[in-house]
Amino acid sequence: MVTNLPAEARAKWAKYSDAKTPEEKLRALQEFLSAVPKHKGTENLVYWIKRRMAELREEIEERKSRRIGGGGPSFFIEKEGAAQVVMLGMSLSGKSTLLSRLSNAKPLIGETPFTTKFPVQGMVRYEDIQFQLIEVPAVVKGFSSGSVWWASRVLGIARNADALMLVIDLSNNPIDQLDTIISELTESGIYPYQPRGYVIIERSKAYQGIRIINYGKLVNCTADDVRKLLESYRIFHAVVKVYGEATMDDVEESIFENNTYKPTMIVGNKCDLVDNEVISEFIKHASKYPTIPAIIASAKYGIGLDEIPKHIFRLTGIIRVYAKEPNARSPSPKPLILRKGATVSEAIRHLREELLKYFKYARIWGPSAKYPGERVGLDHELMDGDIIEVHTKIKAI
């Protein structure tokens, strides 16, 4: 059921959405919470607000301590590369060894539980792009309820990531490990498997009005209903992407960032320590989560590691598009990083948004073109490996 928040609460939510700093966001959330009516329909929203406020307080305190102390370990990680992937696993699952074998990172590796106390990052190469891989402190039972001090910070990093990698120790009750991690994530509103329906709202003043893209379908509501709901929250410029069978509840949850779906992969590590029967049972159990691919690996001996960057690329839904100047012989070797379903319009925004004002047509070479150099408009959907050449109404901008 949609929460039916009063106009005052929706206005205060708009203030939070426009806030820039953690301090501004915290003050806005406090005001928003005071305006939210307390009843069964808003229980999940109130829970999310309080959790987000706790995360913001921790972030503010961490920034203060870093300013006073001057450096030191931090849970704040800037995104780099084509996508950010967070490694989640229980203690001694081999995350550190896996990170060191896949990337340039030098994490502390030990046999003592909970060796990793702060995030460690490394860059993983796949063809002509790199992914940022982040190892975080271990997941434990009760994680979602804050059973350890780092829980909310790790969950915050996972929520902000582009994808998740669940690292499972095959030699130590792997099925229980997998189910525990997935349970803790879902209890926190982070879904590692694709839900029945979900919605992503991308807000930007560059968009003209509210545009709805249906990769699935809206259930028991119309596009006009969605527009009216968003406008009631003072969202007037956005692209709404609908996946699966999404309801108005799913739309409203996406406004609040209450629940989120994260593409996820499983790495069954330490396969060198178990027999084929254990591996078969684990693979069979992992198949209960059909949208989560599983790889069997050994970080110690390098088994299966070559497959991981390929799976990350597929998982993140990235496409690489190469821009070419008119009359140039070859495109730029550095690709634009877009997501599946991206159009010529989105590619131009990544190149130079001003080009949209003077856009005439684009030429495409590659998988999405019917023939080399096909002339297309702004709504043409691009594919991985495409080359794009933008033509404008004036020669230079």
Protein backbone atom coordinates (compact mmCIF):
# COMPACT_ATOMS: atom_id res chain seq x y z
CA MET A 1 0.00 0.00 0.00
CA VAL A 2 1.35 3.45 -0.93
CA THR A 3 2.16 5.43 2.23
CA ASN A 4 -0.07 8.42 1.30
CA LEU A 5 2.22 10.91 3.00
CA PRO A 6 0.82 14.37 3.65
CA ALA A 7 1.99 17.27 1.48
CA GLU A 8 4.19 18.63 4.29
CA ALA A 9 6.13 15.35 4.50
CA ARG A 10 6.58 15.18 0.73
CA ALA A 11 7.92 18.73 0.70
CA LYS A 12 10.41 17.85 3.43
CA TRP A 13 11.48 14.77 1.48
CA ALA A 14 12.21 17.03 -1.51
CA LYS A 15 14.46 19.07 0.79
CA TYR A 16 16.39 15.89 1.68
CA SER A 17 16.72 14.95 -1.99
CA ASP A 18 18.23 18.36 -2.76
CA ALA A 19 20.65 18.29 0.20
CA LYS A 20 24.35 18.07 -0.71
CA THR A 21 26.35 17.44 2.46
CA PRO A 22 25.85 14.71 5.11
CA GLU A 23 25.00 17.42 7.65
CA GLU A 24 22.31 18.91 5.40
CA LYS A 25 20.91 15.45 4.66
CA LEU A 26 20.76 14.56 8.36
CA ARG A 27 18.88 17.77 9.27
CA ALA A 28 16.48 17.26 6.37
CA LEU A 29 15.81 13.64 7.38
CA GLN A 30 15.10 14.70 10.96
CA GLU A 31 12.52 17.17 9.66
CA PHE A 32 11.09 14.56 7.30
CA LEU A 33 10.75 11.99 10.09
CA SER A 34 8.85 14.47 12.26
CA ALA A 35 6.34 14.97 9.43
CA VAL A 36 5.80 11.27 8.64
CA PRO A 37 2.60 9.90 10.25
CA LYS A 38 3.28 6.84 12.39
CA HIS A 39 1.09 3.89 11.33
CA LYS A 40 1.50 0.39 9.91
CA GLY A 41 1.77 1.67 6.35
CA THR A 42 4.85 3.74 7.20
CA GLU A 43 6.69 1.24 9.47
CA ASN A 44 9.25 0.26 6.83
CA LEU A 45 9.79 3.87 5.82
CA VAL A 46 10.39 4.96 9.44
CA TYR A 47 12.83 2.05 9.90
CA TRP A 48 14.74 3.10 6.77
CA ILE A 49 14.85 6.77 7.86
CA LYS A 50 16.31 5.89 11.26
CA ARG A 51 18.88 3.55 9.70
CA ARG A 52 19.89 6.19 7.15
CA MET A 53 20.19 8.80 9.91
CA ALA A 54 22.51 6.46 11.84
CA GLU A 55 24.66 6.00 8.72
CA LEU A 56 24.86 9.76 8.19
CA ARG A 57 25.88 10.35 11.83
CA GLU A 58 28.65 7.78 11.45
CA GLU A 59 29.81 9.39 8.22
CA ILE A 60 29.87 12.85 9.85
CA GLU A 61 31.83 11.55 12.86
CA GLU A 62 34.30 9.75 10.63
CA ARG A 63 34.94 12.87 8.57
CA LYS A 64 35.44 14.91 11.75
CA SER A 65 37.91 12.41 13.18
CA ARG A 66 39.83 12.33 9.90
CA ARG A 67 40.06 16.12 9.85
CA ILE A 68 41.29 16.19 13.45
CA GLY A 69 43.52 13.13 13.26
CA GLY A 70 44.73 13.70 9.73
CA GLY A 71 44.22 10.55 7.66
CA GLY A 72 43.95 6.97 8.80
CA PRO A 73 41.68 4.15 7.63
CA SER A 74 38.25 5.07 6.31
CA PHE A 75 35.03 3.37 5.25
CA PHE A 76 34.45 6.04 2.61
CA ILE A 77 35.45 4.80 -0.87
CA GLU A 78 35.22 6.99 -3.97
CA LYS A 79 33.96 5.12 -7.03
CA GLU A 80 36.55 4.45 -9.72
CA GLY A 81 36.67 2.49 -12.95
CA ALA A 82 33.78 1.19 -15.02
CA ALA A 83 31.87 -0.18 -12.00
CA GLN A 84 32.30 -0.77 -8.27
CA VAL A 85 31.97 -4.35 -6.99
CA VAL A 86 31.89 -5.10 -3.24
CA MET A 87 33.15 -8.44 -1.90
CA LEU A 88 31.03 -9.80 0.97
CA GLY A 89 31.82 -12.92 2.94
CA MET A 90 32.17 -14.39 6.39
CA SER A 91 35.47 -14.35 8.25
CA LEU A 92 38.30 -16.47 6.73
CA SER A 93 36.42 -17.04 3.48
CA GLY A 94 39.52 -15.97 1.53
CA LYS A 95 38.37 -12.51 0.39
CA SER A 96 41.79 -10.94 0.95
CA THR A 97 43.65 -13.62 -0.99
CA LEU A 98 41.10 -13.40 -3.79
CA LEU A 99 41.46 -9.61 -3.96
CA SER A 100 45.25 -9.83 -4.08
CA ARG A 101 45.15 -12.39 -6.93
CA LEU A 102 42.60 -10.48 -9.00
CA SER A 103 43.97 -6.95 -8.61
CA ASN A 104 46.90 -4.75 -7.68
CA ALA A 105 45.76 -4.53 -4.04
CA LYS A 106 47.96 -5.56 -1.10
CA PRO A 107 45.46 -6.49 1.64
CA LEU A 108 46.54 -7.88 4.98
CA ILE A 109 46.14 -11.66 4.73
CA GLY A 110 46.01 -13.76 7.89
CA GLU A 111 44.61 -16.88 9.51
CA THR A 112 43.15 -14.87 12.39
CA PRO A 113 39.39 -14.16 12.14
CA PHE A 114 38.33 -10.60 11.26
CA THR A 115 41.74 -9.62 9.88
CA THR A 116 40.11 -7.06 7.57
CA LYS A 117 38.85 -4.13 9.68
CA PHE A 118 38.47 -1.46 6.98
CA PRO A 119 37.68 -1.56 3.25
CA VAL A 120 40.53 -2.40 0.87
CA GLN A 121 40.25 -1.66 -2.84
CA GLY A 122 41.95 -2.87 -6.00
CA MET A 123 41.43 -2.53 -9.75
CA VAL A 124 40.56 -5.57 -11.89
CA ARG A 125 41.21 -5.37 -15.64
CA TYR A 126 38.82 -6.71 -18.26
CA GLU A 127 39.90 -6.06 -21.86
CA ASP A 128 40.05 -2.25 -22.22
CA ILE A 129 38.31 -1.30 -18.93
CA GLN A 130 38.85 -1.75 -15.21
CA PHE A 131 36.51 -2.57 -12.34
CA GLN A 132 36.95 -1.39 -8.77
CA LEU A 133 36.86 -4.35 -6.38
CA ILE A 134 36.39 -3.60 -2.67
CA GLU A 135 36.89 -6.03 0.19
CA VAL A 136 34.95 -5.09 3.34
CA PRO A 137 34.95 -6.49 6.90
CA ALA A 138 33.24 -9.83 7.43
CA VAL A 139 29.51 -10.50 7.56
CA VAL A 140 28.24 -12.27 10.71
CA LYS A 141 24.86 -13.58 11.80
CA GLY A 142 22.68 -10.74 13.04
CA PHE A 143 24.56 -8.30 10.79
CA SER A 144 21.40 -6.57 9.56
CA SER A 145 20.40 -5.62 13.12
CA GLY A 146 23.79 -4.03 13.83
CA SER A 147 25.34 -6.90 15.83
CA VAL A 148 28.84 -5.53 15.09
CA TRP A 149 29.99 -1.90 14.89
CA TRP A 150 30.92 -2.03 11.21
CA ALA A 151 27.60 -3.50 10.01
CA SER A 152 25.83 -0.30 8.96
CA ARG A 153 28.96 1.01 7.24
CA VAL A 154 29.47 -2.19 5.25
CA LEU A 155 25.80 -2.25 4.28
CA GLY A 156 26.09 1.39 3.20
CA ILE A 157 28.99 0.51 0.90
CA ALA A 158 27.06 -2.48 -0.50
CA ARG A 159 23.99 -0.31 -1.12
CA ASN A 160 26.10 2.20 -3.04
CA ALA A 161 27.93 -0.42 -5.14
CA ASP A 162 27.12 -1.38 -8.71
CA ALA A 163 27.32 -5.12 -7.96
CA LEU A 164 28.13 -7.59 -5.19
CA MET A 165 30.41 -10.62 -5.00
CA LEU A 166 29.59 -13.17 -2.29
CA VAL A 167 32.76 -15.08 -1.35
CA ILE A 168 31.99 -18.46 0.24
CA ASP A 169 34.47 -20.83 1.93
CA LEU A 170 33.58 -24.22 0.43
CA SER A 171 35.44 -26.02 3.23
CA ASN A 172 33.28 -24.65 6.07
CA ASN A 173 29.47 -25.15 5.83
CA PRO A 174 29.20 -23.28 2.52
CA ILE A 175 25.42 -23.62 2.21
CA ASP A 176 24.87 -22.07 5.63
CA GLN A 177 27.29 -19.25 4.76
CA LEU A 178 25.48 -18.46 1.53
CA ASP A 179 22.00 -18.47 3.08
CA THR A 180 23.18 -16.34 6.02
CA ILE A 181 24.72 -13.63 3.83
CA ILE A 182 21.69 -13.48 1.53
CA SER A 183 19.34 -13.35 4.52
CA GLU A 184 21.29 -10.51 6.16
CA LEU A 185 21.27 -8.53 2.91
CA THR A 186 17.55 -8.94 2.26
CA GLU A 187 16.75 -8.03 5.87
CA SER A 188 18.59 -4.78 5.17
CA GLY A 189 16.60 -4.09 2.00
CA ILE A 190 19.42 -5.12 -0.35
CA TYR A 191 18.26 -7.82 -2.76
CA PRO A 192 21.03 -9.93 -4.33
CA TYR A 193 18.49 -11.74 -6.50
CA GLN A 194 16.20 -10.08 -8.99
CA PRO A 195 12.84 -9.30 -7.34
CA ARG A 196 9.49 -9.72 -9.10
CA GLY A 197 9.57 -6.06 -10.02
CA TYR A 198 11.65 -3.01 -9.22
CA VAL A 199 12.10 0.57 -10.38
CA ILE A 200 15.13 2.81 -10.81
CA ILE A 201 14.62 6.58 -10.83
CA GLU A 202 17.39 8.69 -12.34
CA ARG A 203 16.88 12.34 -11.45
CA SER A 204 18.50 15.09 -13.50
CA LYS A 205 17.54 18.56 -14.65
CA ALA A 206 19.00 17.55 -18.01
CA TYR A 207 15.90 15.43 -18.58
CA GLN A 208 12.81 17.19 -19.93
CA GLY A 209 9.92 16.11 -17.74
CA ILE A 210 9.42 12.52 -16.58
CA ARG A 211 10.19 9.77 -19.05
CA ILE A 212 9.16 6.18 -18.30
CA ILE A 213 11.10 3.32 -19.91
CA ASN A 214 9.45 -0.09 -19.62
CA TYR A 215 11.91 -2.98 -19.62
CA GLY A 216 9.05 -4.81 -17.87
CA LYS A 217 5.57 -3.46 -17.15
CA LEU A 218 3.57 -1.45 -14.64
CA VAL A 219 0.95 -3.46 -12.74
CA ASN A 220 -2.35 -1.93 -11.55
CA CYS A 221 -1.21 1.59 -12.41
CA THR A 222 -0.47 3.75 -15.44
CA ALA A 223 2.39 5.95 -16.55
CA ASP A 224 0.25 8.97 -15.64
CA ASP A 225 -0.19 7.59 -12.10
CA VAL A 226 3.60 7.34 -11.79
CA ARG A 227 4.10 10.89 -13.05
CA LYS A 228 1.55 12.25 -10.58
CA LEU A 229 3.20 10.38 -7.70
CA LEU A 230 6.66 11.70 -8.59
CA GLU A 231 5.39 15.24 -9.04
CA SER A 232 3.77 15.06 -5.59
CA TYR A 233 7.34 14.52 -4.28
CA ARG A 234 8.50 17.48 -6.41
CA ILE A 235 10.33 15.26 -8.85
CA PHE A 236 9.78 16.88 -12.23
CA HIS A 237 12.81 15.79 -14.27
CA ALA A 238 13.66 12.10 -14.26
CA VAL A 239 13.93 8.86 -16.20
CA VAL A 240 11.95 6.02 -14.58
CA LYS A 241 13.17 2.55 -15.57
CA VAL A 242 10.69 -0.25 -14.87
CA TYR A 243 11.94 -3.83 -14.55
CA GLY A 244 9.77 -6.93 -14.19
CA GLU A 245 6.23 -6.43 -12.93
CA ALA A 246 6.38 -3.24 -10.89
CA THR A 247 3.61 -1.68 -8.81
CA MET A 248 3.12 1.79 -7.34
CA ASP A 249 4.64 0.43 -4.12
CA ASP A 250 7.82 -0.36 -6.08
CA VAL A 251 7.83 3.16 -7.53
CA GLU A 252 7.45 4.76 -4.12
CA GLU A 253 10.10 2.51 -2.56
CA SER A 254 12.52 3.61 -5.26
CA ILE A 255 11.88 7.25 -4.32
CA PHE A 256 12.99 6.52 -0.75
CA GLU A 257 15.80 4.13 -1.70
CA ASN A 258 14.13 1.79 0.79
CA ASN A 259 14.85 -1.42 -1.10
CA THR A 260 17.40 -1.92 -3.83
CA TYR A 261 18.42 -4.73 -6.16
CA LYS A 262 22.13 -5.35 -6.64
CA PRO A 263 23.36 -7.68 -9.39
CA THR A 264 25.27 -10.38 -7.53
CA MET A 265 27.64 -13.25 -8.21
CA ILE A 266 28.83 -16.09 -5.98
CA VAL A 267 32.45 -17.23 -5.77
CA GLY A 268 32.78 -20.62 -4.07
CA ASN A 269 36.39 -20.31 -2.85
CA LYS A 270 38.88 -22.95 -1.59
CA CYS A 271 37.68 -25.65 -3.99
CA ASP A 272 41.12 -27.25 -3.56
CA LEU A 273 40.12 -28.26 0.01
CA VAL A 274 36.90 -30.15 -0.83
CA ASP A 275 35.79 -33.05 -3.00
CA ASN A 276 33.44 -33.00 -6.00
CA GLU A 277 30.45 -34.05 -3.89
CA VAL A 278 30.66 -30.90 -1.74
CA ILE A 279 31.00 -28.75 -4.85
CA SER A 280 28.01 -30.44 -6.53
CA GLU A 281 25.81 -29.96 -3.46
CA PHE A 282 26.81 -26.31 -3.23
CA ILE A 283 26.11 -25.63 -6.91
CA LYS A 284 22.73 -27.35 -6.60
CA HIS A 285 21.84 -25.21 -3.58
CA ALA A 286 23.08 -22.01 -5.23
CA SER A 287 20.75 -22.70 -8.15
CA LYS A 288 17.86 -21.82 -5.78
CA TYR A 289 18.88 -18.24 -6.60
CA PRO A 290 18.57 -18.45 -10.42
CA THR A 291 19.63 -14.87 -11.15
CA ILE A 292 22.91 -15.23 -9.18
CA PRO A 293 25.69 -16.93 -11.20
CA ALA A 294 28.15 -19.10 -9.24
CA ILE A 295 31.84 -19.70 -9.95
CA ILE A 296 33.93 -22.38 -8.29
CA ALA A 297 37.44 -21.15 -7.56
CA SER A 298 40.60 -21.38 -5.53
CA ALA A 299 42.27 -18.04 -4.85
CA LYS A 300 45.33 -19.86 -3.51
CA TYR A 301 45.96 -21.85 -6.70
CA GLY A 302 44.37 -19.49 -9.23
CA ILE A 303 41.59 -21.89 -10.24
CA GLY A 304 38.61 -20.20 -11.92
CA LEU A 305 39.98 -16.66 -11.49
CA ASP A 306 40.05 -15.91 -15.23
CA GLU A 307 36.26 -16.27 -15.32
CA ILE A 308 35.59 -13.66 -12.63
CA PRO A 309 36.26 -10.45 -14.67
CA LYS A 310 34.06 -11.82 -17.49
CA HIS A 311 31.24 -12.46 -15.04
CA ILE A 312 31.62 -8.98 -13.52
CA PHE A 313 31.30 -7.46 -16.99
CA ARG A 314 28.08 -9.40 -17.72
CA LEU A 315 26.74 -8.79 -14.23
CA THR A 316 27.09 -5.02 -14.24
CA GLY A 317 25.20 -4.67 -17.53
CA ILE A 318 27.91 -2.44 -18.98
CA ILE A 319 28.25 -1.57 -22.62
CA ARG A 320 31.25 0.16 -24.17
CA VAL A 321 30.59 2.77 -26.86
CA TYR A 322 33.43 4.43 -28.76
CA ALA A 323 33.06 8.02 -29.95
CA LYS A 324 34.40 9.06 -33.34
CA GLU A 325 34.80 12.57 -34.72
CA PRO A 326 33.19 13.14 -38.14
CA ASN A 327 35.72 12.37 -40.89
CA ALA A 328 38.14 10.78 -38.40
CA ARG A 329 39.61 7.44 -39.44
CA SER A 330 39.26 5.73 -36.07
CA PRO A 331 37.32 6.21 -32.82
CA SER A 332 38.69 7.09 -29.41
CA PRO A 333 40.37 4.05 -27.79
CA LYS A 334 38.76 5.03 -24.47
CA PRO A 335 35.13 3.90 -24.40
CA LEU A 336 32.10 5.62 -22.94
CA ILE A 337 30.80 3.43 -20.10
CA LEU A 338 27.02 3.06 -20.38
CA ARG A 339 24.41 0.56 -19.22
CA LYS A 340 22.42 -1.86 -21.34
CA GLY A 341 19.45 -0.07 -22.86
CA ALA A 342 21.35 3.23 -23.18
CA THR A 343 20.38 5.37 -26.15
CA VAL A 344 22.23 7.82 -28.38
CA SER A 345 20.83 10.58 -26.16
CA GLU A 346 22.51 9.12 -23.06
CA ALA A 347 25.80 8.66 -24.92
CA ILE A 348 25.77 12.32 -25.95
CA ARG A 349 25.17 13.39 -22.33
CA HIS A 350 28.35 11.51 -21.41
CA LEU A 351 30.24 13.12 -24.29
CA ARG A 352 29.05 16.71 -24.05
CA GLU A 353 25.51 17.54 -23.03
CA GLU A 354 25.44 20.78 -25.02
CA LEU A 355 25.54 18.71 -28.23
CA LEU A 356 21.89 17.73 -27.60
CA LYS A 357 20.76 21.29 -28.36
CA TYR A 358 22.30 21.13 -31.82
CA PHE A 359 21.83 17.42 -32.55
CA LYS A 360 21.04 16.56 -36.18
CA TYR A 361 21.71 12.82 -36.38
CA ALA A 362 24.26 10.18 -35.42
CA ARG A 363 25.97 7.48 -37.43
CA ILE A 364 26.51 4.06 -35.87
CA TRP A 365 28.93 1.28 -36.70
CA GLY A 366 28.73 -1.95 -34.73
CA PRO A 367 26.27 -4.52 -33.33
CA SER A 368 23.27 -2.17 -33.05
CA ALA A 369 23.56 -0.85 -36.63
CA LYS A 370 21.56 -2.43 -39.46
CA TYR A 371 24.46 -1.54 -41.75
CA PRO A 372 27.80 0.25 -41.22
CA GLY A 373 27.33 3.95 -40.65
CA GLU A 374 23.56 3.73 -40.16
CA ARG A 375 21.98 7.16 -39.61
CA VAL A 376 19.93 7.18 -36.37
CA GLY A 377 18.13 9.50 -33.94
CA LEU A 378 18.37 10.13 -30.21
CA ASP A 379 16.21 7.12 -29.25
CA HIS A 380 18.38 4.54 -31.00
CA GLU A 381 19.42 1.85 -28.48
CA LEU A 382 23.15 1.17 -28.38
CA MET A 383 25.03 -2.09 -27.86
CA ASP A 384 28.46 -3.08 -26.57
CA GLY A 385 31.17 -2.31 -29.13
CA ASP A 386 29.23 0.34 -31.04
CA ILE A 387 31.02 3.31 -32.61
CA ILE A 388 29.09 6.58 -32.57
CA GLU A 389 29.66 9.68 -34.70
CA VAL A 390 27.53 12.71 -33.75
CA HIS A 391 26.51 15.29 -36.33
CA THR A 392 25.16 18.70 -35.32
CA LYS A 393 23.28 21.53 -37.03
CA ILE A 394 26.34 23.79 -36.79
CA LYS A 395 29.91 22.86 -37.58
CA ALA A 396 31.44 23.74 -34.21
CA ILE A 397 30.20 24.38 -30.70
